[in-house]
Amino acid sequence: MIVFPFVASYLQQQYLPNKKHERITIKEAKPYDLVYVSCANSLWGKQVINAVNAILIEQRPTQRYRNAFEYWLNGTSLKKYRTIYNQLLLQNDRLTPSATQR
């Protein structure tokens, strides 16, 4: 089965807690990437996007936000995630919505 590391952790924790499995990294795969939320191009859609942006900007630097995802990681995956967390989520100018996006 080919899945993201956090999915493999979830599946193991939920369904195979006492079974060993092997993880093989696909070297061409990025460890993490940004995803985007989109809504209808309407007043309602813009309000939803603004609300999501505000929540993410407020929550991204908190330990609570990190813990929600880190719960599903283990060993090597957790180390990699923590290594790039600040660079990808906290110091990335692309993640700050510009006034034209609002």
C-alpha atoms as a PDB file:
ATOM      1  CA  MET A   1       0.000   0.000   0.000  1.00  0.00           C
ATOM      2  CA  ILE A   2       1.365   3.448  -0.879  1.00  0.00           C
ATOM      3  CA  VAL A   3       0.206   6.184   1.486  1.00  0.00           C
ATOM      4  CA  PHE A   4       1.478   9.345   3.148  1.00  0.00           C
ATOM      5  CA  PRO A   5       3.483   8.692   6.347  1.00  0.00           C
ATOM      6  CA  PHE A   6       0.817  10.241   8.575  1.00  0.00           C
ATOM      7  CA  VAL A   7      -1.830   8.010   6.980  1.00  0.00           C
ATOM      8  CA  ALA A   8       0.358   4.957   7.621  1.00  0.00           C
ATOM      9  CA  SER A   9       0.710   6.018  11.275  1.00  0.00           C
ATOM     10  CA  TYR A  10      -3.044   6.434  11.595  1.00  0.00           C
ATOM     11  CA  LEU A  11      -3.780   3.054  10.019  1.00  0.00           C
ATOM     12  CA  GLN A  12      -1.240   1.317  12.199  1.00  0.00           C
ATOM     13  CA  GLN A  13      -2.500   2.963  15.402  1.00  0.00           C
ATOM     14  CA  GLN A  14      -6.143   2.262  14.620  1.00  0.00           C
ATOM     15  CA  TYR A  15      -6.069  -1.169  12.990  1.00  0.00           C
ATOM     16  CA  LEU A  16      -2.686  -2.852  13.470  1.00  0.00           C
ATOM     17  CA  PRO A  17      -1.236  -1.618  16.769  1.00  0.00           C
ATOM     18  CA  ASN A  18       0.688  -4.833  17.447  1.00  0.00           C
ATOM     19  CA  LYS A  19       1.923  -5.486  13.917  1.00  0.00           C
ATOM     20  CA  LYS A  20       5.265  -4.371  12.538  1.00  0.00           C
ATOM     21  CA  HIS A  21       5.381  -2.773   9.154  1.00  0.00           C
ATOM     22  CA  GLU A  22       8.117  -1.325   7.033  1.00  0.00           C
ATOM     23  CA  ARG A  23       8.173   2.172   5.624  1.00  0.00           C
ATOM     24  CA  ILE A  24      10.057   2.955   2.478  1.00  0.00           C
ATOM     25  CA  THR A  25      10.435   6.586   1.477  1.00  0.00           C
ATOM     26  CA  ILE A  26       9.810   7.509  -2.145  1.00  0.00           C
ATOM     27  CA  LYS A  27      12.728   9.847  -2.745  1.00  0.00           C
ATOM     28  CA  GLU A  28      10.935  11.903  -5.415  1.00  0.00           C
ATOM     29  CA  ALA A  29       8.020  12.679  -3.078  1.00  0.00           C
ATOM     30  CA  LYS A  30       8.023  15.938  -1.169  1.00  0.00           C
ATOM     31  CA  PRO A  31       7.740  15.350   2.568  1.00  0.00           C
ATOM     32  CA  TYR A  32       5.043  18.026   2.899  1.00  0.00           C
ATOM     33  CA  ASP A  33       3.361  20.505   0.625  1.00  0.00           C
ATOM     34  CA  LEU A  34       0.942  23.378   0.961  1.00  0.00           C
ATOM     35  CA  VAL A  35      -2.733  22.871   0.260  1.00  0.00           C
ATOM     36  CA  TYR A  36      -5.353  25.487  -0.464  1.00  0.00           C
ATOM     37  CA  VAL A  37      -9.016  25.967   0.331  1.00  0.00           C
ATOM     38  CA  SER A  38     -11.355  27.347  -2.290  1.00  0.00           C
ATOM     39  CA  CYS A  39     -14.961  28.490  -2.231  1.00  0.00           C
ATOM     40  CA  ALA A  40     -17.513  29.928  -4.580  1.00  0.00           C
ATOM     41  CA  ASN A  41     -16.568  33.325  -5.996  1.00  0.00           C
ATOM     42  CA  SER A  42     -19.328  35.094  -4.097  1.00  0.00           C
ATOM     43  CA  LEU A  43     -19.668  37.264  -1.018  1.00  0.00           C
ATOM     44  CA  TRP A  44     -20.370  34.152   1.066  1.00  0.00           C
ATOM     45  CA  GLY A  45     -17.316  32.344  -0.383  1.00  0.00           C
ATOM     46  CA  LYS A  46     -15.056  35.309   0.345  1.00  0.00           C
ATOM     47  CA  GLN A  47     -16.359  35.465   3.920  1.00  0.00           C
ATOM     48  CA  VAL A  48     -15.625  31.768   4.410  1.00  0.00           C
ATOM     49  CA  ILE A  49     -12.080  32.131   3.039  1.00  0.00           C
ATOM     50  CA  ASN A  50     -11.465  35.175   5.244  1.00  0.00           C
ATOM     51  CA  ALA A  51     -12.680  33.225   8.285  1.00  0.00           C
ATOM     52  CA  VAL A  52     -10.451  30.221   7.440  1.00  0.00           C
ATOM     53  CA  ASN A  53      -7.453  32.526   6.869  1.00  0.00           C
ATOM     54  CA  ALA A  54      -8.020  34.318  10.185  1.00  0.00           C
ATOM     55  CA  ILE A  55      -8.249  31.041  12.099  1.00  0.00           C
ATOM     56  CA  LEU A  56      -5.111  29.630  10.458  1.00  0.00           C
ATOM     57  CA  ILE A  57      -3.093  32.798  11.057  1.00  0.00           C
ATOM     58  CA  GLU A  58      -4.116  32.740  14.716  1.00  0.00           C
ATOM     59  CA  GLN A  59      -3.692  28.998  15.289  1.00  0.00           C
ATOM     60  CA  ARG A  60      -0.637  28.105  13.161  1.00  0.00           C
ATOM     61  CA  PRO A  61       1.947  29.237  15.743  1.00  0.00           C
ATOM     62  CA  THR A  62       0.260  27.436  18.655  1.00  0.00           C
ATOM     63  CA  GLN A  63       1.315  24.137  20.168  1.00  0.00           C
ATOM     64  CA  ARG A  64      -2.316  23.026  20.014  1.00  0.00           C
ATOM     65  CA  TYR A  65      -2.264  23.347  16.206  1.00  0.00           C
ATOM     66  CA  ARG A  66       0.979  21.364  15.951  1.00  0.00           C
ATOM     67  CA  ASN A  67      -0.296  18.684  18.321  1.00  0.00           C
ATOM     68  CA  ALA A  68      -3.374  18.044  16.183  1.00  0.00           C
ATOM     69  CA  PHE A  69      -1.202  16.787  13.325  1.00  0.00           C
ATOM     70  CA  GLU A  70       1.791  15.518  15.281  1.00  0.00           C
ATOM     71  CA  TYR A  71      -0.454  13.029  17.058  1.00  0.00           C
ATOM     72  CA  TRP A  72      -0.501  10.955  13.863  1.00  0.00           C
ATOM     73  CA  LEU A  73       3.254  11.003  13.289  1.00  0.00           C
ATOM     74  CA  ASN A  74       5.929   8.771  14.682  1.00  0.00           C
ATOM     75  CA  GLY A  75       9.730   8.646  14.814  1.00  0.00           C
ATOM     76  CA  THR A  76      11.185   9.725  11.501  1.00  0.00           C
ATOM     77  CA  SER A  77       7.984  11.369  10.254  1.00  0.00           C
ATOM     78  CA  LEU A  78       7.710  13.483  13.393  1.00  0.00           C
ATOM     79  CA  LYS A  79      11.351  14.545  13.151  1.00  0.00           C
ATOM     80  CA  LYS A  80      10.962  15.591   9.496  1.00  0.00           C
ATOM     81  CA  TYR A  81       7.749  17.447  10.231  1.00  0.00           C
ATOM     82  CA  ARG A  82       9.268  19.407  13.093  1.00  0.00           C
ATOM     83  CA  THR A  83      12.343  20.216  11.014  1.00  0.00           C
ATOM     84  CA  ILE A  84      10.322  21.969   8.321  1.00  0.00           C
ATOM     85  CA  TYR A  85       7.387  23.272  10.394  1.00  0.00           C
ATOM     86  CA  ASN A  86       8.772  26.755  10.996  1.00  0.00           C
ATOM     87  CA  GLN A  87      10.037  27.140   7.457  1.00  0.00           C
ATOM     88  CA  LEU A  88       6.876  25.934   5.742  1.00  0.00           C
ATOM     89  CA  LEU A  89       4.127  27.179   8.046  1.00  0.00           C
ATOM     90  CA  LEU A  90       5.493  30.075  10.058  1.00  0.00           C
ATOM     91  CA  GLN A  91       8.036  31.800   7.822  1.00  0.00           C
ATOM     92  CA  ASN A  92       6.340  31.469   4.453  1.00  0.00           C
ATOM     93  CA  ASP A  93       5.136  34.735   2.943  1.00  0.00           C
ATOM     94  CA  ARG A  94       2.827  32.853   0.586  1.00  0.00           C
ATOM     95  CA  LEU A  95       0.697  31.938   3.603  1.00  0.00           C
ATOM     96  CA  THR A  96      -0.198  35.497   4.536  1.00  0.00           C
ATOM     97  CA  PRO A  97      -3.260  36.505   2.540  1.00  0.00           C
ATOM     98  CA  SER A  98      -2.814  39.700   0.593  1.00  0.00           C
ATOM     99  CA  ALA A  99      -5.422  42.425   0.598  1.00  0.00           C
ATOM    100  CA  THR A 100      -6.399  41.469  -2.958  1.00  0.00           C
ATOM    101  CA  GLN A 101      -7.386  37.966  -1.824  1.00  0.00           C
ATOM    102  CA  ARG A 102      -9.865  39.258   0.744  1.00  0.00           C
END
